């Protein structure tokens, strides 16, 4: 009933003030106070329009603060002011950790046949790429700035020729017993193995694509097990 009196007493031109202030909430509240004073002869009681404005501002401030806290807790490689930092893993407990990553190198039939027959000028493509992948896994912390230098207990890289689409399937596995995971070591292994295949074959063709680099499976650590697509 109170709001009906206000609306009825205010001319239409004044009741449409909100459309003329470009949604400026503070200005809208101030103009509403003036309208109510013109109707009732005195400003509104404390806690009416002003409290609504304060509540609106406080809610927005709370949500903004909450978003900042949530973002900072999720982005563990950034500090309070957004600078890059290495995560301190000293409070974590050591556990067995492993990770498997895969990628595909699309060769095309011409290059595929040369690799299959071991007729590339640089030599045995798959063997060289295998060694390159293992070496890369052990150098991950030197290549990825915020990765920890961890002690690997196992690294394995396998390359398989896929006759169906004339590609090389690369799979890399890394394992460690420590306080941080080995996903990056496994993914670095397959990435460098794939690049090595390209380097060994680029003289025969430039139409070679390295695709589908991804984590296939991981186990251990606080986040537990993970499998691609599950």
Protein backbone atom coordinates (compact mmCIF):
# COMPACT_ATOMS: atom_id res chain seq x y z
CA UNK A 1 0.00 0.00 0.00
CA UNK A 2 2.90 2.31 0.82
CA UNK A 3 4.53 1.74 -2.58
CA UNK A 4 1.20 2.27 -4.38
CA UNK A 5 0.89 5.75 -2.83
CA UNK A 6 4.40 6.64 -4.00
CA UNK A 7 3.78 5.46 -7.55
CA UNK A 8 0.37 7.19 -7.75
CA UNK A 9 1.73 10.48 -6.41
CA UNK A 10 4.75 10.65 -8.74
CA UNK A 11 4.21 11.95 -12.29
CA UNK A 12 5.00 9.48 -15.07
CA UNK A 13 7.92 11.56 -16.30
CA UNK A 14 9.54 11.36 -12.90
CA UNK A 15 8.74 7.68 -12.34
CA UNK A 16 10.79 6.86 -15.44
CA UNK A 17 13.97 8.39 -14.01
CA UNK A 18 15.80 5.05 -14.01
CA UNK A 19 15.96 4.96 -17.80
CA UNK A 20 17.64 8.38 -17.94
CA UNK A 21 20.54 7.69 -15.59
CA UNK A 22 22.14 4.80 -17.50
CA UNK A 23 21.47 2.35 -14.71
CA UNK A 24 23.55 4.37 -12.25
CA UNK A 25 22.30 2.78 -9.06
CA UNK A 26 23.55 5.47 -6.68
CA UNK A 27 21.96 8.28 -8.72
CA UNK A 28 18.70 6.35 -8.95
CA UNK A 29 18.54 5.99 -5.15
CA UNK A 30 19.26 9.68 -4.66
CA UNK A 31 16.49 10.70 -7.08
CA UNK A 32 14.07 8.28 -5.41
CA UNK A 33 14.77 9.97 -2.06
CA UNK A 34 13.93 13.36 -3.59
CA UNK A 35 10.67 12.01 -5.01
CA UNK A 36 9.63 10.59 -1.65
CA UNK A 37 10.51 13.88 0.08
CA UNK A 38 8.33 15.82 -2.39
CA UNK A 39 5.39 13.51 -1.66
CA UNK A 40 5.67 13.24 2.13
CA UNK A 41 7.38 16.57 2.91
CA UNK A 42 10.36 14.91 4.58
CA UNK A 43 13.19 12.56 3.57
CA UNK A 44 12.60 8.80 3.94
CA UNK A 45 13.43 7.13 7.23
CA UNK A 46 16.97 5.80 7.58
CA UNK A 47 17.31 2.28 6.36
CA UNK A 48 14.80 2.49 3.45
CA UNK A 49 16.30 3.39 0.06
CA UNK A 50 19.72 4.11 1.58
CA UNK A 51 19.90 0.71 3.23
CA UNK A 52 18.96 -0.94 -0.06
CA UNK A 53 21.83 0.87 -1.75
CA UNK A 54 24.29 -0.09 0.99
CA UNK A 55 23.08 -3.68 0.87
CA UNK A 56 23.56 -3.75 -2.90
CA UNK A 57 27.12 -2.42 -2.63
CA UNK A 58 28.01 -4.71 0.28
CA UNK A 59 26.71 -7.77 -1.57
CA UNK A 60 28.76 -6.90 -4.65
CA UNK A 61 31.84 -6.35 -2.50
CA UNK A 62 31.32 -9.68 -0.75
CA UNK A 63 30.91 -11.54 -4.05
CA UNK A 64 34.02 -9.89 -5.48
CA UNK A 65 36.06 -10.84 -2.42
CA UNK A 66 34.73 -14.39 -2.56
CA UNK A 67 35.66 -14.69 -6.24
CA UNK A 68 39.18 -13.48 -5.52
CA UNK A 69 39.62 -16.02 -2.72
CA UNK A 70 38.26 -18.85 -4.86
CA UNK A 71 40.47 -17.89 -7.81
CA UNK A 72 43.60 -17.66 -5.69
CA UNK A 73 42.94 -21.06 -4.14
CA UNK A 74 42.52 -22.66 -7.56
CA UNK A 75 45.50 -21.01 -9.26
CA UNK A 76 48.22 -22.49 -7.08
CA UNK A 77 51.04 -21.25 -9.31
CA UNK A 78 50.30 -17.57 -8.66
CA UNK A 79 50.91 -15.50 -5.53
CA UNK A 80 48.51 -13.13 -3.77
CA UNK A 81 49.31 -10.32 -6.20
CA UNK A 82 49.28 -12.58 -9.27
CA UNK A 83 53.02 -13.13 -9.68
CA UNK A 84 54.30 -16.54 -10.79
CA UNK A 85 55.67 -18.80 -8.09
CA UNK A 86 56.68 -22.41 -7.50
CA UNK A 87 54.26 -24.21 -5.20
CA UNK A 88 55.66 -25.21 -1.82
CA UNK A 89 55.02 -28.97 -1.58
CA UNK A 90 56.89 -29.52 1.68
CA UNK A 91 53.67 -29.98 3.75
CA UNK A 92 52.49 -32.78 1.45
CA UNK A 93 52.99 -36.46 2.23
CA UNK A 94 55.09 -38.61 -0.08
CA UNK A 95 53.23 -41.23 -2.08
CA UNK A 96 53.65 -43.38 -5.17
CA UNK A 97 52.65 -41.45 -8.27
CA UNK A 98 52.44 -42.40 -11.93
CA UNK A 99 51.20 -40.86 -15.15
CA UNK A 100 50.67 -41.99 -18.74
CA UNK A 101 50.48 -39.54 -21.65
CA UNK A 102 49.94 -40.07 -25.37
CA UNK A 103 50.23 -38.20 -28.65
CA UNK A 104 49.95 -38.93 -32.36
CA UNK A 105 52.25 -37.97 -35.23
CA UNK A 106 50.48 -37.99 -38.60
CA UNK A 107 53.11 -38.85 -41.23
CA UNK A 108 51.21 -39.47 -44.45
CA UNK A 109 51.68 -42.61 -46.56
CA UNK A 110 54.96 -41.57 -48.23
CA UNK A 111 56.82 -40.87 -44.99
CA UNK A 112 55.11 -43.72 -43.17
CA UNK A 113 56.44 -46.22 -45.74
CA UNK A 114 59.97 -44.82 -45.37
CA UNK A 115 59.85 -45.09 -41.58
CA UNK A 116 58.41 -48.60 -41.80
CA UNK A 117 61.25 -49.68 -44.09
CA UNK A 118 63.81 -47.82 -41.92
CA UNK A 119 64.98 -45.85 -44.95
CA UNK A 120 65.07 -42.33 -43.50
CA UNK A 121 68.39 -40.55 -44.09
CA UNK A 122 68.85 -39.81 -40.38
CA UNK A 123 68.44 -43.44 -39.36
CA UNK A 124 66.05 -45.38 -37.10
CA UNK A 125 63.26 -42.89 -36.40
CA UNK A 126 61.44 -44.78 -33.67
CA UNK A 127 64.56 -45.70 -31.67
CA UNK A 128 65.94 -42.16 -31.68
CA UNK A 129 62.55 -40.71 -30.71
CA UNK A 130 62.25 -43.20 -27.86
CA UNK A 131 65.58 -42.13 -26.35
CA UNK A 132 64.69 -38.46 -26.86
CA UNK A 133 61.42 -38.93 -24.95
CA UNK A 134 63.12 -40.62 -22.01
CA UNK A 135 65.78 -37.90 -21.86
CA UNK A 136 63.13 -35.18 -22.02
CA UNK A 137 61.19 -36.62 -19.08
CA UNK A 138 64.30 -36.28 -16.92
CA UNK A 139 64.74 -32.65 -18.03
CA UNK A 140 61.15 -31.50 -17.47
CA UNK A 141 61.93 -29.09 -14.62
CA UNK A 142 64.52 -27.38 -16.84
CA UNK A 143 61.97 -26.93 -19.63
CA UNK A 144 58.78 -26.04 -17.69
CA UNK A 145 59.63 -23.11 -15.35
CA UNK A 146 57.39 -23.93 -12.36
CA UNK A 147 57.79 -27.72 -12.36
CA UNK A 148 59.62 -29.26 -9.41
CA UNK A 149 62.85 -31.13 -9.90
CA UNK A 150 61.71 -34.59 -8.85
CA UNK A 151 63.43 -37.95 -8.67
CA UNK A 152 61.90 -40.29 -11.24
CA UNK A 153 61.84 -44.00 -10.45
CA UNK A 154 60.65 -45.06 -13.90
CA UNK A 155 60.32 -43.65 -17.43
CA UNK A 156 59.14 -45.58 -20.44
CA UNK A 157 58.37 -44.37 -23.98
CA UNK A 158 56.86 -46.56 -26.69
CA UNK A 159 56.21 -45.68 -30.33
CA UNK A 160 53.89 -47.72 -32.53
CA UNK A 161 53.23 -47.44 -36.26
CA UNK A 162 49.51 -47.21 -37.03
CA UNK A 163 48.82 -48.58 -40.53
CA UNK A 164 45.20 -47.38 -40.52
CA UNK A 165 45.96 -43.66 -40.75
CA UNK A 166 49.74 -43.68 -41.45
CA UNK A 167 50.68 -42.27 -38.08
CA UNK A 168 52.94 -42.95 -35.11
CA UNK A 169 51.27 -43.41 -31.74
CA UNK A 170 53.52 -42.29 -28.88
CA UNK A 171 52.88 -43.35 -25.29
CA UNK A 172 54.98 -42.25 -22.35
CA UNK A 173 54.87 -43.30 -18.71
CA UNK A 174 56.59 -41.73 -15.72
CA UNK A 175 56.62 -42.76 -12.05
CA UNK A 176 57.98 -41.39 -8.81
CA UNK A 177 57.61 -41.62 -5.05
CA UNK A 178 57.35 -38.08 -3.79
CA UNK A 179 55.24 -35.05 -2.93
CA UNK A 180 54.14 -33.93 -6.41
CA UNK A 181 52.80 -35.61 -9.52
CA UNK A 182 54.57 -36.72 -12.69
CA UNK A 183 51.97 -35.70 -15.28
CA UNK A 184 54.27 -33.09 -16.80
CA UNK A 185 57.12 -35.57 -17.08
CA UNK A 186 54.93 -38.01 -19.03
CA UNK A 187 53.54 -35.29 -21.29
CA UNK A 188 56.98 -33.80 -21.91
CA UNK A 189 58.25 -37.24 -22.87
CA UNK A 190 55.64 -37.79 -25.59
CA UNK A 191 55.89 -34.19 -26.82
CA UNK A 192 59.64 -34.36 -27.37
CA UNK A 193 59.39 -37.87 -28.84
CA UNK A 194 56.85 -36.53 -31.33
CA UNK A 195 59.05 -33.56 -32.20
CA UNK A 196 61.96 -35.93 -32.71
CA UNK A 197 59.89 -37.98 -35.18
CA UNK A 198 59.21 -34.74 -37.05
CA UNK A 199 62.90 -33.81 -37.05
CA UNK A 200 63.90 -37.24 -38.34
CA UNK A 201 61.31 -37.10 -41.14
CA UNK A 202 61.07 -33.43 -42.15
CA UNK A 203 63.49 -33.86 -45.07
CA UNK A 204 60.98 -36.19 -46.72
CA UNK A 205 57.89 -34.06 -46.00
CA UNK A 206 56.81 -30.93 -44.17
CA UNK A 207 53.19 -32.15 -44.03
CA UNK A 208 53.63 -33.85 -40.66
CA UNK A 209 51.35 -32.97 -37.75
CA UNK A 210 51.76 -33.70 -34.05
CA UNK A 211 48.30 -33.95 -32.50
CA UNK A 212 46.27 -35.13 -29.50
CA UNK A 213 48.88 -34.58 -26.81
CA UNK A 214 47.05 -35.42 -23.60
CA UNK A 215 47.19 -37.07 -20.19
CA UNK A 216 45.74 -40.57 -20.48
CA UNK A 217 45.92 -41.67 -16.86
CA UNK A 218 47.37 -40.69 -13.50
CA UNK A 219 47.39 -42.21 -10.03
CA UNK A 220 48.50 -41.18 -6.55
CA UNK A 221 48.48 -37.87 -4.76
CA UNK A 222 45.69 -35.90 -3.11
CA UNK A 223 43.53 -35.76 -6.27
CA UNK A 224 43.61 -39.55 -6.66
CA UNK A 225 43.20 -41.45 -9.92
CA UNK A 226 42.25 -39.92 -13.25
CA UNK A 227 41.58 -41.45 -16.65
CA UNK A 228 40.85 -39.59 -19.89
CA UNK A 229 37.18 -39.67 -20.81
CA UNK A 230 36.00 -41.02 -17.45
